């Protein structure tokens, strides 16, 4: 059985600097959204306020509403980097892959080599079955940023999706050299090693997860597969 978190690890690697909001309750986030909306009524031409409102829409996973706000920002300032990046993310979540791809490409025209946009584009191409472009893009990203755990893990996620399990396990290992305590990487590699029959390696990663604070009971299914 494949586990739901495994196919989506790569997508979750997209840079998401809005994490502050995730620590708040949905009620608190809605209060923040209301305040931003009220301020925007008095200053409808403020790009900063519109971006702030869109931020809270995204925190609440109101993708279409957030996209609408970014549309307005980009209608005034087509070169707004933040709006392009986050609209691409919204378009991705809305299944508007061609529009998301265009936003990433436009962003890369403005900021060639941007890590986040290149990562987003590679993951989008994988999701949209543009497999050659996805692998080419993620290979280039790893080559350009060999010290980035995120780049290695993103490639591992793509390889795992393709059934390239040995390569994926290796790349998660490279990611873990750079981010040794990342629980997602450890669990993903353990899952791969279990499917590859590498019980000793898988147990090592599971035991490491326990040492890092994951309750052993939460890993019962994985431990149960070890022989």
C-alpha atoms as a PDB file:
ATOM      1  CA  UNK A   1       0.000   0.000   0.000  1.00  0.00           C
ATOM      2  CA  UNK A   2       1.294   3.423  -0.915  1.00  0.00           C
ATOM      3  CA  UNK A   3       0.852   6.133   1.639  1.00  0.00           C
ATOM      4  CA  UNK A   4      -0.870   9.383   0.821  1.00  0.00           C
ATOM      5  CA  UNK A   5       1.974  11.578   2.022  1.00  0.00           C
ATOM      6  CA  UNK A   6       4.550   9.981  -0.270  1.00  0.00           C
ATOM      7  CA  UNK A   7       3.320  11.208  -3.698  1.00  0.00           C
ATOM      8  CA  UNK A   8       2.848  14.696  -2.386  1.00  0.00           C
ATOM      9  CA  UNK A   9       6.097  15.238  -0.520  1.00  0.00           C
ATOM     10  CA  UNK A  10       7.572  16.946  -3.564  1.00  0.00           C
ATOM     11  CA  UNK A  11       4.647  19.316  -3.904  1.00  0.00           C
ATOM     12  CA  UNK A  12       4.879  20.177  -0.224  1.00  0.00           C
ATOM     13  CA  UNK A  13       8.463  21.249  -0.781  1.00  0.00           C
ATOM     14  CA  UNK A  14       7.322  24.378  -2.559  1.00  0.00           C
ATOM     15  CA  UNK A  15       8.542  27.360  -0.607  1.00  0.00           C
ATOM     16  CA  UNK A  16       5.663  28.496   1.587  1.00  0.00           C
ATOM     17  CA  UNK A  17       6.706  31.529   3.634  1.00  0.00           C
ATOM     18  CA  UNK A  18       3.218  31.990   5.012  1.00  0.00           C
ATOM     19  CA  UNK A  19       3.738  29.456   7.762  1.00  0.00           C
ATOM     20  CA  UNK A  20       3.046  32.008  10.481  1.00  0.00           C
ATOM     21  CA  UNK A  21      -0.645  31.821   9.748  1.00  0.00           C
ATOM     22  CA  UNK A  22      -0.737  28.045  10.049  1.00  0.00           C
ATOM     23  CA  UNK A  23       0.042  28.351  13.751  1.00  0.00           C
ATOM     24  CA  UNK A  24      -3.181  30.299  14.232  1.00  0.00           C
ATOM     25  CA  UNK A  25      -6.694  28.944  14.470  1.00  0.00           C
ATOM     26  CA  UNK A  26      -8.964  29.334  11.463  1.00  0.00           C
ATOM     27  CA  UNK A  27     -10.984  31.809  13.495  1.00  0.00           C
ATOM     28  CA  UNK A  28      -7.909  33.959  14.082  1.00  0.00           C
ATOM     29  CA  UNK A  29      -7.013  33.754  10.403  1.00  0.00           C
ATOM     30  CA  UNK A  30     -10.521  34.821   9.429  1.00  0.00           C
ATOM     31  CA  UNK A  31     -10.234  37.778  11.794  1.00  0.00           C
ATOM     32  CA  UNK A  32      -7.003  38.775  10.085  1.00  0.00           C
ATOM     33  CA  UNK A  33      -8.661  38.402   6.691  1.00  0.00           C
ATOM     34  CA  UNK A  34     -11.577  40.571   7.806  1.00  0.00           C
ATOM     35  CA  UNK A  35      -9.238  43.311   8.986  1.00  0.00           C
ATOM     36  CA  UNK A  36      -7.299  43.234   5.734  1.00  0.00           C
ATOM     37  CA  UNK A  37     -10.550  43.371   3.757  1.00  0.00           C
ATOM     38  CA  UNK A  38     -11.813  46.327   5.778  1.00  0.00           C
ATOM     39  CA  UNK A  39      -8.569  48.237   5.268  1.00  0.00           C
ATOM     40  CA  UNK A  40      -8.689  47.491   1.552  1.00  0.00           C
ATOM     41  CA  UNK A  41     -12.134  49.074   1.284  1.00  0.00           C
ATOM     42  CA  UNK A  42     -10.623  52.390   2.338  1.00  0.00           C
ATOM     43  CA  UNK A  43      -7.496  51.968   0.216  1.00  0.00           C
ATOM     44  CA  UNK A  44      -8.574  49.971  -2.863  1.00  0.00           C
ATOM     45  CA  UNK A  45      -5.476  50.975  -4.831  1.00  0.00           C
ATOM     46  CA  UNK A  46      -3.029  49.664  -2.225  1.00  0.00           C
ATOM     47  CA  UNK A  47      -1.070  46.763  -3.680  1.00  0.00           C
ATOM     48  CA  UNK A  48       0.410  45.991  -0.266  1.00  0.00           C
ATOM     49  CA  UNK A  49      -3.029  45.608   1.308  1.00  0.00           C
ATOM     50  CA  UNK A  50      -4.277  43.502  -1.591  1.00  0.00           C
ATOM     51  CA  UNK A  51      -1.289  41.203  -1.268  1.00  0.00           C
ATOM     52  CA  UNK A  52      -1.907  40.985   2.469  1.00  0.00           C
ATOM     53  CA  UNK A  53      -5.535  40.034   1.905  1.00  0.00           C
ATOM     54  CA  UNK A  54      -4.533  37.449  -0.694  1.00  0.00           C
ATOM     55  CA  UNK A  55      -2.104  36.005   1.843  1.00  0.00           C
ATOM     56  CA  UNK A  56      -4.929  35.302   4.267  1.00  0.00           C
ATOM     57  CA  UNK A  57      -7.117  33.919   1.480  1.00  0.00           C
ATOM     58  CA  UNK A  58      -4.330  31.456   0.751  1.00  0.00           C
ATOM     59  CA  UNK A  59      -3.898  30.587   4.407  1.00  0.00           C
ATOM     60  CA  UNK A  60      -7.578  29.673   4.425  1.00  0.00           C
ATOM     61  CA  UNK A  61      -7.167  27.758   1.150  1.00  0.00           C
ATOM     62  CA  UNK A  62      -9.495  30.123  -0.658  1.00  0.00           C
ATOM     63  CA  UNK A  63      -7.541  29.628  -3.852  1.00  0.00           C
ATOM     64  CA  UNK A  64      -9.954  31.203  -6.319  1.00  0.00           C
ATOM     65  CA  UNK A  65     -10.415  34.315  -4.201  1.00  0.00           C
ATOM     66  CA  UNK A  66      -6.670  34.665  -3.693  1.00  0.00           C
ATOM     67  CA  UNK A  67      -6.094  34.243  -7.424  1.00  0.00           C
ATOM     68  CA  UNK A  68      -8.579  37.030  -8.060  1.00  0.00           C
ATOM     69  CA  UNK A  69      -6.611  39.343  -5.800  1.00  0.00           C
ATOM     70  CA  UNK A  70      -3.362  38.488  -7.557  1.00  0.00           C
ATOM     71  CA  UNK A  71      -5.088  39.111 -10.898  1.00  0.00           C
ATOM     72  CA  UNK A  72      -5.846  42.642  -9.729  1.00  0.00           C
ATOM     73  CA  UNK A  73      -2.295  43.235  -8.545  1.00  0.00           C
ATOM     74  CA  UNK A  74      -0.833  41.979 -11.799  1.00  0.00           C
ATOM     75  CA  UNK A  75      -3.315  44.039 -13.770  1.00  0.00           C
ATOM     76  CA  UNK A  76      -1.683  47.112 -12.271  1.00  0.00           C
ATOM     77  CA  UNK A  77       1.872  45.775 -11.979  1.00  0.00           C
ATOM     78  CA  UNK A  78       2.529  42.808 -14.325  1.00  0.00           C
ATOM     79  CA  UNK A  79       6.063  42.454 -12.974  1.00  0.00           C
ATOM     80  CA  UNK A  80       5.091  41.929  -9.336  1.00  0.00           C
ATOM     81  CA  UNK A  81       7.202  38.917  -8.385  1.00  0.00           C
ATOM     82  CA  UNK A  82       5.205  37.885  -5.310  1.00  0.00           C
ATOM     83  CA  UNK A  83       1.895  38.045  -7.156  1.00  0.00           C
ATOM     84  CA  UNK A  84       3.229  35.951 -10.037  1.00  0.00           C
ATOM     85  CA  UNK A  85       4.631  33.288  -7.736  1.00  0.00           C
ATOM     86  CA  UNK A  86       1.566  32.968  -5.541  1.00  0.00           C
ATOM     87  CA  UNK A  87      -0.872  33.160  -8.430  1.00  0.00           C
ATOM     88  CA  UNK A  88       1.028  30.278  -9.991  1.00  0.00           C
ATOM     89  CA  UNK A  89       0.568  28.352  -6.747  1.00  0.00           C
ATOM     90  CA  UNK A  90      -3.149  29.182  -6.694  1.00  0.00           C
ATOM     91  CA  UNK A  91      -3.562  28.184 -10.324  1.00  0.00           C
ATOM     92  CA  UNK A  92      -1.816  24.916  -9.549  1.00  0.00           C
ATOM     93  CA  UNK A  93      -4.190  24.208  -6.666  1.00  0.00           C
ATOM     94  CA  UNK A  94      -7.136  25.078  -8.889  1.00  0.00           C
ATOM     95  CA  UNK A  95      -5.958  22.649 -11.558  1.00  0.00           C
ATOM     96  CA  UNK A  96      -5.243  25.474 -13.998  1.00  0.00           C
ATOM     97  CA  UNK A  97      -1.885  24.031 -14.936  1.00  0.00           C
ATOM     98  CA  UNK A  98      -1.295  25.927 -18.169  1.00  0.00           C
ATOM     99  CA  UNK A  99      -1.925  29.226 -16.398  1.00  0.00           C
ATOM    100  CA  UNK A 100       0.332  28.216 -13.517  1.00  0.00           C
ATOM    101  CA  UNK A 101       3.065  27.256 -15.977  1.00  0.00           C
ATOM    102  CA  UNK A 102       2.775  30.637 -17.698  1.00  0.00           C
ATOM    103  CA  UNK A 103       3.110  32.467 -14.378  1.00  0.00           C
ATOM    104  CA  UNK A 104       6.245  30.520 -13.466  1.00  0.00           C
ATOM    105  CA  UNK A 105       7.716  31.145 -16.904  1.00  0.00           C
ATOM    106  CA  UNK A 106       6.970  34.848 -16.694  1.00  0.00           C
ATOM    107  CA  UNK A 107       8.546  34.986 -13.257  1.00  0.00           C
ATOM    108  CA  UNK A 108      11.663  33.273 -14.590  1.00  0.00           C
ATOM    109  CA  UNK A 109      11.831  35.807 -17.400  1.00  0.00           C
ATOM    110  CA  UNK A 110      11.921  38.534 -14.753  1.00  0.00           C
ATOM    111  CA  UNK A 111      14.199  36.665 -12.345  1.00  0.00           C
ATOM    112  CA  UNK A 112      16.211  34.074 -14.292  1.00  0.00           C
ATOM    113  CA  UNK A 113      17.265  31.126 -12.186  1.00  0.00           C
ATOM    114  CA  UNK A 114      14.829  31.821  -9.336  1.00  0.00           C
ATOM    115  CA  UNK A 115      14.914  28.691  -7.168  1.00  0.00           C
ATOM    116  CA  UNK A 116      11.282  28.718  -6.081  1.00  0.00           C
ATOM    117  CA  UNK A 117       9.940  29.255  -9.589  1.00  0.00           C
ATOM    118  CA  UNK A 118      12.156  26.548 -11.070  1.00  0.00           C
ATOM    119  CA  UNK A 119      11.100  24.122  -8.359  1.00  0.00           C
ATOM    120  CA  UNK A 120       7.445  25.009  -8.795  1.00  0.00           C
ATOM    121  CA  UNK A 121       7.661  24.568 -12.555  1.00  0.00           C
ATOM    122  CA  UNK A 122       9.359  21.168 -12.294  1.00  0.00           C
ATOM    123  CA  UNK A 123       6.761  19.882  -9.829  1.00  0.00           C
ATOM    124  CA  UNK A 124       3.944  21.294 -11.924  1.00  0.00           C
ATOM    125  CA  UNK A 125       5.273  19.574 -15.035  1.00  0.00           C
ATOM    126  CA  UNK A 126       5.372  16.274 -13.150  1.00  0.00           C
ATOM    127  CA  UNK A 127       1.808  16.714 -11.956  1.00  0.00           C
ATOM    128  CA  UNK A 128       0.650  17.671 -15.463  1.00  0.00           C
ATOM    129  CA  UNK A 129       2.376  14.640 -17.029  1.00  0.00           C
ATOM    130  CA  UNK A 130       5.068  16.675 -18.785  1.00  0.00           C
ATOM    131  CA  UNK A 131       7.530  14.086 -17.612  1.00  0.00           C
ATOM    132  CA  UNK A 132      10.563  14.937 -19.733  1.00  0.00           C
ATOM    133  CA  UNK A 133      10.338  18.635 -18.837  1.00  0.00           C
ATOM    134  CA  UNK A 134       9.850  17.773 -15.158  1.00  0.00           C
ATOM    135  CA  UNK A 135      12.910  15.554 -14.941  1.00  0.00           C
ATOM    136  CA  UNK A 136      15.048  17.917 -16.998  1.00  0.00           C
ATOM    137  CA  UNK A 137      14.014  20.811 -14.785  1.00  0.00           C
ATOM    138  CA  UNK A 138      14.650  19.071 -11.487  1.00  0.00           C
ATOM    139  CA  UNK A 139      17.991  17.684 -12.695  1.00  0.00           C
ATOM    140  CA  UNK A 140      19.083  21.189 -13.635  1.00  0.00           C
ATOM    141  CA  UNK A 141      17.933  22.478 -10.245  1.00  0.00           C
ATOM    142  CA  UNK A 142      19.950  19.858  -8.359  1.00  0.00           C
ATOM    143  CA  UNK A 143      22.990  20.639 -10.505  1.00  0.00           C
ATOM    144  CA  UNK A 144      22.601  24.364  -9.827  1.00  0.00           C
ATOM    145  CA  UNK A 145      21.911  23.937  -6.089  1.00  0.00           C
ATOM    146  CA  UNK A 146      23.752  20.788  -4.956  1.00  0.00           C
ATOM    147  CA  UNK A 147      23.691  21.931  -1.330  1.00  0.00           C
ATOM    148  CA  UNK A 148      19.900  22.227  -1.239  1.00  0.00           C
ATOM    149  CA  UNK A 149      18.134  19.420   0.623  1.00  0.00           C
ATOM    150  CA  UNK A 150      14.875  20.579  -0.914  1.00  0.00           C
ATOM    151  CA  UNK A 151      16.167  20.131  -4.455  1.00  0.00           C
ATOM    152  CA  UNK A 152      17.394  16.579  -3.745  1.00  0.00           C
ATOM    153  CA  UNK A 153      14.160  15.647  -1.983  1.00  0.00           C
ATOM    154  CA  UNK A 154      12.046  17.088  -4.788  1.00  0.00           C
ATOM    155  CA  UNK A 155      13.894  14.951  -7.301  1.00  0.00           C
ATOM    156  CA  UNK A 156      13.458  11.934  -5.028  1.00  0.00           C
ATOM    157  CA  UNK A 157       9.723  12.597  -4.931  1.00  0.00           C
ATOM    158  CA  UNK A 158       9.522  12.735  -8.707  1.00  0.00           C
ATOM    159  CA  UNK A 159      11.600   9.576  -9.054  1.00  0.00           C
ATOM    160  CA  UNK A 160       9.400   7.799  -6.515  1.00  0.00           C
ATOM    161  CA  UNK A 161       6.325   8.730  -8.517  1.00  0.00           C
ATOM    162  CA  UNK A 162       7.945   7.192 -11.609  1.00  0.00           C
ATOM    163  CA  UNK A 163       8.761   3.949  -9.796  1.00  0.00           C
ATOM    164  CA  UNK A 164      12.502   4.727  -9.806  1.00  0.00           C
ATOM    165  CA  UNK A 165      12.797   3.536  -6.230  1.00  0.00           C
ATOM    166  CA  UNK A 166      16.542   2.975  -5.970  1.00  0.00           C
ATOM    167  CA  UNK A 167      17.283   6.427  -7.347  1.00  0.00           C
ATOM    168  CA  UNK A 168      14.650   7.972  -5.084  1.00  0.00           C
ATOM    169  CA  UNK A 169      16.092   6.302  -1.980  1.00  0.00           C
ATOM    170  CA  UNK A 170      19.560   7.547  -2.936  1.00  0.00           C
ATOM    171  CA  UNK A 171      18.333  11.112  -3.449  1.00  0.00           C
ATOM    172  CA  UNK A 172      16.490  11.118  -0.134  1.00  0.00           C
ATOM    173  CA  UNK A 173      19.804  10.050   1.358  1.00  0.00           C
ATOM    174  CA  UNK A 174      21.479  13.067  -0.221  1.00  0.00           C
ATOM    175  CA  UNK A 175      18.693  15.294   1.115  1.00  0.00           C
ATOM    176  CA  UNK A 176      19.203  13.828   4.587  1.00  0.00           C
ATOM    177  CA  UNK A 177      22.933  14.547   4.472  1.00  0.00           C
ATOM    178  CA  UNK A 178      21.941  18.190   4.223  1.00  0.00           C
ATOM    179  CA  UNK A 179      18.912  18.060   6.542  1.00  0.00           C
ATOM    180  CA  UNK A 180      19.506  15.057   8.843  1.00  0.00           C
ATOM    181  CA  UNK A 181      16.485  15.492  11.098  1.00  0.00           C
ATOM    182  CA  UNK A 182      13.823  15.946   8.417  1.00  0.00           C
ATOM    183  CA  UNK A 183      11.091  13.495   9.367  1.00  0.00           C
ATOM    184  CA  UNK A 184       9.356  13.577   6.001  1.00  0.00           C
ATOM    185  CA  UNK A 185      12.542  12.547   4.219  1.00  0.00           C
ATOM    186  CA  UNK A 186      13.238   9.793   6.732  1.00  0.00           C
ATOM    187  CA  UNK A 187       9.776   8.313   6.458  1.00  0.00           C
ATOM    188  CA  UNK A 188       9.788   8.545   2.672  1.00  0.00           C
ATOM    189  CA  UNK A 189      13.123   6.729   2.490  1.00  0.00           C
ATOM    190  CA  UNK A 190      11.952   4.114   4.983  1.00  0.00           C
ATOM    191  CA  UNK A 191       8.861   3.497   2.877  1.00  0.00           C
ATOM    192  CA  UNK A 192      10.984   3.092  -0.238  1.00  0.00           C
ATOM    193  CA  UNK A 193      13.448   0.773   1.466  1.00  0.00           C
ATOM    194  CA  UNK A 194      10.629  -1.405   2.740  1.00  0.00           C
ATOM    195  CA  UNK A 195       9.318  -1.791  -0.801  1.00  0.00           C
ATOM    196  CA  UNK A 196      12.872  -2.532  -2.006  1.00  0.00           C
ATOM    197  CA  UNK A 197      13.345  -5.196   0.663  1.00  0.00           C
ATOM    198  CA  UNK A 198      16.024  -3.234   2.490  1.00  0.00           C
ATOM    199  CA  UNK A 199      14.719  -3.961   5.964  1.00  0.00           C
ATOM    200  CA  UNK A 200      17.863  -2.987   7.866  1.00  0.00           C
ATOM    201  CA  UNK A 201      18.032   0.436   6.228  1.00  0.00           C
ATOM    202  CA  UNK A 202      14.310   0.974   6.711  1.00  0.00           C
ATOM    203  CA  UNK A 203      14.504   0.066  10.411  1.00  0.00           C
ATOM    204  CA  UNK A 204      17.370   2.496  10.880  1.00  0.00           C
ATOM    205  CA  UNK A 205      15.245   5.352   9.509  1.00  0.00           C
ATOM    206  CA  UNK A 206      12.223   4.342  11.569  1.00  0.00           C
ATOM    207  CA  UNK A 207      14.306   4.130  14.731  1.00  0.00           C
ATOM    208  CA  UNK A 208      15.738   7.545  13.920  1.00  0.00           C
ATOM    209  CA  UNK A 209      12.200   8.919  13.661  1.00  0.00           C
ATOM    210  CA  UNK A 210      11.410   7.542  17.108  1.00  0.00           C
ATOM    211  CA  UNK A 211      14.542   9.182  18.520  1.00  0.00           C
ATOM    212  CA  UNK A 212      13.385  12.455  16.971  1.00  0.00           C
ATOM    213  CA  UNK A 213      10.087  12.256  18.842  1.00  0.00           C
ATOM    214  CA  UNK A 214       7.695  10.377  16.579  1.00  0.00           C
ATOM    215  CA  UNK A 215       5.648   7.935  18.701  1.00  0.00           C
ATOM    216  CA  UNK A 216       6.523   4.362  17.781  1.00  0.00           C
ATOM    217  CA  UNK A 217       2.826   3.555  17.736  1.00  0.00           C
ATOM    218  CA  UNK A 218       2.401   6.013  14.857  1.00  0.00           C
ATOM    219  CA  UNK A 219       4.907   3.950  12.866  1.00  0.00           C
ATOM    220  CA  UNK A 220       3.323   0.595  13.653  1.00  0.00           C
ATOM    221  CA  UNK A 221       2.299  -0.043  10.062  1.00  0.00           C
ATOM    222  CA  UNK A 222       5.844   0.485   8.783  1.00  0.00           C
ATOM    223  CA  UNK A 223       7.473  -1.542  11.544  1.00  0.00           C
ATOM    224  CA  UNK A 224       4.986  -4.303  10.832  1.00  0.00           C
ATOM    225  CA  UNK A 225       6.306  -4.659   7.307  1.00  0.00           C
ATOM    226  CA  UNK A 226       9.877  -5.281   8.408  1.00  0.00           C
ATOM    227  CA  UNK A 227      11.144  -8.830   8.212  1.00  0.00           C
END
